[in-house]
Protein backbone atom coordinates (compact mmCIF):
# COMPACT_ATOMS: atom_id res chain seq x y z
CA MET A 1 7.15 -23.30 36.17
CA SER A 2 5.38 -20.12 35.26
CA ARG A 3 2.44 -20.84 32.40
CA ARG A 4 2.38 -18.55 29.59
CA THR A 5 -1.11 -17.12 28.79
CA LYS A 6 -2.27 -17.87 25.13
CA ILE A 7 -2.76 -15.44 22.38
CA ILE A 8 -3.87 -14.83 19.22
CA ALA A 9 -1.56 -14.96 16.58
CA GLU A 10 -3.22 -13.52 13.00
CA TYR A 11 -0.93 -14.45 10.14
CA VAL A 12 -1.28 -12.50 6.95
CA TRP A 13 -0.15 -12.96 3.83
CA ILE A 14 -0.09 -12.19 0.22
CA ASP A 15 -1.68 -14.95 -2.36
CA GLY A 16 -0.69 -15.76 -5.74
CA CYS A 17 -3.67 -14.41 -7.78
CA GLN A 18 -2.75 -12.13 -10.81
CA PRO A 19 -2.55 -9.71 -11.88
CA THR A 20 -3.58 -7.87 -8.77
CA PRO A 21 -2.50 -10.15 -5.72
CA GLY A 22 -4.90 -10.19 -2.37
CA LEU A 23 -4.77 -10.46 1.22
CA ARG A 24 -5.22 -13.81 2.79
CA SER A 25 -5.29 -14.26 6.67
CA LYS A 26 -5.74 -17.33 9.11
CA ALA A 27 -5.44 -17.46 13.52
CA LYS A 28 -3.82 -19.49 15.62
CA VAL A 29 -2.92 -19.72 19.16
CA ILE A 30 0.25 -19.30 20.18
CA PRO A 31 1.81 -19.13 23.90
CA GLY A 32 2.42 -15.62 24.79
CA PRO A 33 3.23 -12.32 25.21
CA VAL A 34 4.62 -12.18 21.91
CA ARG A 35 8.21 -9.89 22.63
CA SER A 36 10.10 -10.37 19.33
CA LEU A 37 9.81 -12.77 16.26
CA ALA A 38 11.64 -15.49 17.91
CA ASP A 39 7.88 -15.85 20.08
CA ILE A 40 5.96 -16.49 17.11
CA PRO A 41 6.56 -19.99 15.18
CA GLU A 42 6.52 -20.63 11.42
CA TRP A 43 3.27 -22.00 9.93
CA GLY A 44 1.61 -23.63 6.34
CA PHE A 45 -1.07 -23.21 4.43
CA ASP A 46 -2.50 -25.21 1.53
CA GLY A 47 -1.65 -23.11 -1.43
CA SER A 48 -3.65 -24.80 -4.04
CA SER A 49 -6.48 -22.76 -2.74
CA THR A 50 -4.43 -19.36 -2.77
CA ARG A 51 -3.29 -19.95 -6.24
CA GLN A 52 0.42 -20.52 -4.92
CA ALA A 53 0.86 -24.37 -5.37
CA GLU A 54 -1.04 -27.40 -6.83
CA GLY A 55 -3.08 -29.97 -5.25
CA HIS A 56 -0.37 -32.62 -5.38
CA LYS A 57 2.12 -30.96 -3.79
CA SER A 58 0.46 -28.20 -2.07
CA ASP A 59 2.25 -27.36 1.11
CA CYS A 60 3.73 -23.78 1.70
CA ALA A 61 5.36 -21.79 4.47
CA LEU A 62 4.45 -19.10 6.18
CA VAL A 63 7.56 -17.39 7.74
CA PRO A 64 7.09 -14.20 10.22
CA VAL A 65 8.72 -11.17 8.89
CA ALA A 66 6.81 -8.35 11.27
CA PHE A 67 4.43 -7.87 13.85
CA VAL A 68 2.07 -5.30 15.47
CA PRO A 69 -0.98 -5.37 17.97
CA ASP A 70 -4.35 -6.18 16.74
CA PRO A 71 -6.33 -3.57 17.49
CA VAL A 72 -9.72 -6.05 16.47
CA ARG A 73 -9.00 -8.50 19.15
CA GLY A 74 -6.82 -6.39 21.44
CA GLY A 75 -5.88 -7.41 24.45
CA LYS A 76 -2.17 -9.65 23.76
CA HIS A 77 -2.93 -10.17 20.65
CA VAL A 78 -1.13 -9.97 17.54
CA LEU A 79 -1.06 -9.11 13.75
CA VAL A 80 1.45 -10.90 11.93
CA MET A 81 3.09 -10.57 8.38
CA CYS A 82 4.49 -13.04 6.78
CA GLU A 83 6.64 -13.97 3.67
CA VAL A 84 5.42 -17.10 1.57
CA MET A 85 8.37 -19.98 1.10
CA ASN A 86 8.21 -22.86 -0.71
CA ALA A 87 8.21 -26.23 1.57
CA ASP A 88 11.60 -26.68 0.68
CA GLY A 89 12.03 -23.04 2.38
CA SER A 90 13.46 -21.52 -0.83
CA ILE A 91 11.32 -18.33 -2.24
CA HIS A 92 7.88 -18.71 -3.31
CA PRO A 93 7.53 -16.86 -6.85
CA SER A 94 4.36 -14.86 -5.39
CA ASN A 95 7.05 -13.48 -2.24
CA THR A 96 8.00 -9.96 -3.59
CA ARG A 97 9.07 -8.91 -0.86
CA ALA A 98 12.35 -11.16 -0.84
CA ARG A 99 13.72 -9.10 -3.31
CA LEU A 100 12.71 -5.92 -1.87
CA ARG A 101 14.60 -7.43 0.77
CA GLU A 102 17.93 -7.79 -0.35
CA LEU A 103 17.49 -4.37 -2.15
CA ALA A 104 16.89 -2.92 0.86
CA ALA A 105 20.01 -4.53 2.84
CA LEU A 106 22.31 -3.62 -0.58
CA HIS A 107 21.36 0.31 -0.80
CA ALA A 108 20.85 0.92 2.90
CA LYS A 109 23.72 3.39 3.04
CA HIS A 110 21.26 5.82 1.19
CA GLU A 111 19.82 5.81 4.10
CA PRO A 112 16.01 5.65 1.66
CA LEU A 113 12.85 7.11 2.82
CA PHE A 114 9.31 6.01 1.52
CA GLY A 115 5.54 7.53 1.60
CA ILE A 116 2.23 5.71 0.34
CA GLU A 117 -0.41 7.37 -0.10
CA GLN A 118 -3.11 4.78 -0.80
CA GLU A 119 -6.43 5.93 -2.38
CA TYR A 120 -9.73 3.30 -1.85
CA THR A 121 -13.05 3.28 -3.09
CA LEU A 122 -15.66 2.42 -0.19
CA LEU A 123 -18.48 -0.07 -1.85
CA VAL A 124 -21.86 -0.42 -0.81
CA HIS A 125 -23.77 -3.55 -2.62
CA GLY A 126 -21.36 -2.64 -5.48
CA ARG A 127 -21.94 0.93 -5.89
CA PRO A 128 -20.01 3.37 -4.12
CA ALA A 129 -20.66 4.33 -0.68
CA GLY A 130 -23.11 7.65 -0.83
CA TRP A 131 -24.21 6.97 -4.74
CA PRO A 132 -27.99 6.69 -5.62
CA LYS A 133 -29.15 2.89 -6.28
CA LYS A 134 -29.63 4.34 -10.09
CA GLY A 135 -27.77 6.86 -11.82
CA PHE A 136 -24.94 9.65 -10.53
CA PRO A 137 -24.86 12.27 -8.06
CA ALA A 138 -23.79 15.37 -8.46
CA PRO A 139 -20.55 16.20 -10.37
CA GLN A 140 -17.01 16.06 -8.76
CA GLY A 141 -15.86 18.88 -7.09
CA PRO A 142 -17.66 19.59 -3.39
CA TYR A 143 -16.28 15.96 -2.51
CA TYR A 144 -12.22 16.68 -2.00
CA CYS A 145 -11.53 16.89 1.56
CA ALA A 146 -15.73 18.01 2.59
CA VAL A 147 -17.09 17.84 5.41
CA GLY A 148 -21.39 17.09 5.65
CA ALA A 149 -23.75 14.30 5.05
CA GLU A 150 -24.76 15.55 1.09
CA ASN A 151 -20.77 15.57 0.61
CA VAL A 152 -19.25 12.25 2.31
CA ALA A 153 -19.78 8.94 2.27
CA ALA A 154 -18.65 5.89 5.06
CA ARG A 155 -16.47 8.35 7.61
CA THR A 156 -17.21 6.06 10.51
CA LEU A 157 -15.02 3.07 8.42
CA VAL A 158 -12.15 5.88 7.31
CA GLU A 159 -12.73 6.71 11.44
CA ARG A 160 -12.23 2.86 13.37
CA HIS A 161 -9.56 2.58 10.68
CA LEU A 162 -7.75 5.27 11.55
CA ASP A 163 -8.23 4.62 15.18
CA ALA A 164 -7.14 0.86 14.18
CA CYS A 165 -3.49 1.74 12.48
CA MET A 166 -2.82 4.33 15.43
CA LYS A 167 -3.60 1.32 17.90
CA ALA A 168 -1.40 -1.00 15.84
CA GLY A 169 2.03 1.22 16.04
CA ILE A 170 1.54 1.83 11.86
CA GLU A 171 2.92 5.22 11.15
CA ILE A 172 -0.11 6.49 9.47
CA CYS A 173 -0.03 10.34 9.29
CA GLY A 174 -3.41 11.24 7.85
CA VAL A 175 -6.06 10.92 6.07
CA ASN A 176 -8.49 12.54 3.60
CA ALA A 177 -12.17 12.09 1.59
CA GLU A 178 -10.79 11.65 -1.83
CA VAL A 179 -12.06 13.85 -5.20
CA LEU A 180 -14.59 11.08 -6.02
CA LEU A 181 -17.78 10.37 -3.75
CA GLY A 182 -17.24 7.36 -1.35
CA GLN A 183 -13.21 7.66 -2.73
CA TRP A 184 -10.65 8.01 0.32
CA GLU A 185 -6.95 8.05 0.95
CA TYR A 186 -4.39 7.21 4.09
CA GLN A 187 -0.83 8.00 4.15
CA ILE A 188 1.73 5.48 5.86
CA GLY A 189 5.29 6.85 6.38
CA PRO A 190 8.08 8.00 6.14
CA VAL A 191 9.61 4.85 6.99
CA GLY A 192 12.57 2.75 5.27
CA ALA A 193 11.33 -0.02 2.21
CA LEU A 194 10.57 -2.99 4.34
CA GLU A 195 8.71 -1.28 6.88
CA VAL A 196 6.45 0.96 4.94
CA CYS A 197 5.38 -2.15 2.33
CA ASP A 198 4.17 -4.25 5.65
CA GLN A 199 3.15 -1.64 7.18
CA LEU A 200 0.48 -0.77 4.59
CA TRP A 201 -0.49 -4.43 3.70
CA LEU A 202 -1.41 -4.81 7.30
CA ALA A 203 -3.10 -1.45 6.73
CA ARG A 204 -5.28 -2.90 3.96
CA TRP A 205 -5.98 -5.85 6.15
CA LEU A 206 -7.26 -3.68 8.43
CA MET A 207 -9.64 -1.56 6.30
CA CYS A 208 -11.23 -5.09 4.66
CA ARG A 209 -11.85 -6.68 8.14
CA LEU A 210 -13.24 -3.14 9.18
CA GLY A 211 -15.31 -3.21 6.89
CA GLU A 212 -16.82 -6.53 7.36
CA ASP A 213 -18.82 -5.64 10.30
CA LEU A 214 -20.47 -2.63 8.54
CA GLY A 215 -21.31 -4.39 5.36
CA ILE A 216 -18.81 -2.57 3.20
CA GLU A 217 -16.11 -3.61 0.36
CA VAL A 218 -12.94 -2.05 -0.09
CA SER A 219 -12.13 -1.74 -3.84
CA LEU A 220 -8.37 -0.85 -5.09
CA ALA A 221 -9.75 -0.56 -8.57
CA PRO A 222 -7.69 1.68 -10.43
CA LYS A 223 -10.66 3.05 -12.31
CA PRO A 224 -13.67 2.55 -9.91
CA VAL A 225 -16.42 4.17 -12.67
CA ALA A 226 -15.92 5.08 -16.05
CA GLY A 227 -16.31 8.35 -17.24
CA ASP A 228 -15.44 11.85 -15.76
CA TRP A 229 -14.48 10.62 -12.60
CA ASN A 230 -11.34 10.62 -10.85
CA GLY A 231 -9.35 7.39 -10.62
CA THR A 232 -7.81 5.45 -7.74
CA GLY A 233 -3.84 5.84 -6.96
CA ALA A 234 -1.03 5.17 -4.34
CA HIS A 235 1.29 7.90 -5.17
CA THR A 236 4.48 7.15 -3.71
CA ASN A 237 6.58 9.42 -1.62
CA PHE A 238 10.53 8.59 -2.11
CA SER A 239 13.71 10.56 -0.84
CA THR A 240 17.33 9.63 -0.18
CA LYS A 241 20.38 10.97 2.27
CA ALA A 242 21.30 13.02 -1.27
CA MET A 243 17.95 14.61 -1.60
CA ARG A 244 17.23 15.75 1.93
CA ALA A 245 21.02 17.23 2.40
CA LYS A 246 21.65 20.46 1.04
CA GLY A 247 21.65 20.81 -2.35
CA GLY A 248 19.58 18.00 -2.60
CA LEU A 249 17.37 19.38 -5.79
CA LYS A 250 20.52 18.33 -8.08
CA ALA A 251 20.16 14.53 -7.00
CA ILE A 252 15.82 14.79 -7.06
CA GLU A 253 16.76 15.97 -10.61
CA ALA A 254 19.12 13.09 -11.45
CA ALA A 255 16.34 10.57 -10.18
CA CYS A 256 13.85 11.92 -12.25
CA LYS A 257 16.17 11.20 -14.89
CA GLU A 258 16.84 8.13 -14.28
CA LEU A 259 13.04 7.16 -13.55
CA GLY A 260 12.18 8.72 -17.14
CA ARG A 261 14.83 6.29 -18.56
CA ARG A 262 13.15 3.58 -17.49
CA HIS A 263 9.40 4.50 -17.24
CA ASP A 264 8.07 1.26 -19.26
CA GLU A 265 9.96 -0.73 -16.69
CA HIS A 266 8.35 1.11 -13.86
CA ILE A 267 4.71 0.97 -15.17
CA ARG A 268 5.17 -2.73 -15.95
CA VAL A 269 4.94 -3.14 -11.85
CA TYR A 270 2.73 -0.26 -10.85
CA GLY A 271 -0.76 -1.82 -10.66
CA ALA A 272 -2.77 -3.70 -12.78
CA ASP A 273 -5.33 -1.53 -15.22
CA ASN A 274 -3.17 0.91 -14.60
CA ASP A 275 -3.94 2.33 -18.27
CA LYS A 276 -8.04 2.93 -17.58
CA ARG A 277 -6.29 5.52 -14.51
CA LEU A 278 -3.16 7.26 -16.52
CA THR A 279 -5.05 8.71 -19.35
CA GLY A 280 -4.00 12.81 -18.71
CA LEU A 281 -6.30 13.67 -17.33
CA HIS A 282 -7.83 13.67 -13.81
CA GLU A 283 -4.70 14.74 -11.93
CA THR A 284 -2.73 12.20 -14.03
CA CYS A 285 -0.12 11.94 -17.02
CA ASP A 286 -0.57 9.66 -19.77
CA ILE A 287 1.02 6.14 -19.13
CA LYS A 288 2.90 6.59 -22.36
CA THR A 289 4.49 9.46 -21.41
CA PHE A 290 6.82 10.40 -18.84
CA ARG A 291 7.66 14.07 -17.34
CA HIS A 292 8.71 15.86 -14.21
CA GLY A 293 7.76 19.03 -12.95
CA VAL A 294 7.34 21.47 -9.41
CA SER A 295 4.12 21.18 -8.30
CA ASP A 296 2.69 19.63 -11.49
CA ARG A 297 -0.46 17.19 -10.32
CA GLY A 298 -0.41 16.41 -14.09
CA ALA A 299 2.64 15.09 -14.24
CA SER A 300 4.39 11.94 -13.85
CA ILE A 301 6.73 12.82 -11.33
CA ARG A 302 5.83 15.90 -9.15
CA ILE A 303 8.43 17.97 -6.96
CA PRO A 304 6.96 19.50 -4.27
CA LEU A 305 6.57 22.91 -4.07
CA ALA A 306 8.35 23.09 -0.43
CA THR A 307 11.09 20.74 -1.84
CA ALA A 308 11.61 23.10 -4.65
CA LYS A 309 11.98 26.23 -2.39
CA GLN A 310 14.34 24.75 0.14
CA GLY A 311 16.30 23.02 -2.15
CA ARG A 312 15.97 19.58 -1.30
CA GLY A 313 13.48 17.03 0.05
CA TYR A 314 11.61 14.05 -1.87
CA LEU A 315 9.97 12.97 -4.91
CA GLU A 316 6.36 12.44 -5.38
CA ASP A 317 5.72 9.37 -7.72
CA ARG A 318 2.07 9.45 -9.13
CA ARG A 319 1.89 6.71 -11.55
CA PRO A 320 1.52 3.74 -8.95
CA ALA A 321 -2.17 2.45 -8.91
CA ALA A 322 -4.03 1.88 -6.23
CA ASN A 323 -4.01 -1.96 -6.15
CA MET A 324 -0.01 -1.79 -6.51
CA ASP A 325 2.01 -4.41 -4.66
CA PRO A 326 4.32 -1.57 -2.75
CA TYR A 327 6.90 -4.40 -2.26
CA ARG A 328 7.71 -4.47 -6.73
CA VAL A 329 6.92 -0.21 -6.53
CA CYS A 330 9.70 0.12 -3.76
CA ALA A 331 11.92 -2.32 -5.44
CA ALA A 332 11.85 -0.03 -8.54
CA LEU A 333 12.72 3.27 -7.45
CA LEU A 334 15.23 1.48 -5.23
CA GLU A 335 16.62 -0.34 -8.66
CA THR A 336 16.12 3.00 -10.59
CA VAL A 337 17.40 5.72 -8.26
CA CYS A 338 20.34 3.88 -6.16
CA GLY A 339 21.64 1.06 -8.84
């Protein structure tokens, strides 16, 4: 009888903390190699320690839904994205992926694609990386897409994260320094709804895990520094087959009208404390206002210039905050535009 090599599977899931859920993970040694989800057993955890159960009935289940190579441990080890279920197999209230799973199947005929631009702020001892211990750096202006030690901070973590995502097979398509010193962005997609969300959560986990080694905290706060400084978002690019087809601009315009009609519903699931970011300043539209426009970074929905010129393409929803749950954001877009 052949003996299978043991590997480490890092189970990753979303906890029940509110208003902003966080990531949890733990490792399990299992027989390898892992070739499919069938090779990864379900597992359990103490939900009373993650705000997902009460102490007298604390067992919750982890059901693997996606896996990628583990670029931190290397070898044949894997990272496993999981859905949280109740002990009886029913869907846990914190499991926002389950609803998106239903919607993705329901609207598959529209062939929706998503791309998410994840902004984040790197903190050292509670202050943005590169900032002086007291006071403030020079005003915004020289930091966006910058180079040079005077204008860039914590690039080491950014590069390690980019390399790790690529090794994991995550569809990361770019990184750049952002407007606030110590603020960065990476982009994932375009891929399907479940894929972009699973990969974004795993990319977030990787950023936090790699930050441990460098003593750098990753903040997704929508407004990391009060005052005349940019906030932190998660712009979500979205298209359907109709939008990408010839004459698709009409479908994009129709989608914008529907998104405007349900603006308040979307804002409710677009991240906590988003009102501190969506002020009408710093490349945002006021949270109480909805408007769309071509090449307008001060709009709720931006229609890229290339899309307008070609008469087809995608729209960019600029409202989601950096701390948004992508499962909820993608579900809202599918319900509004495809429903």
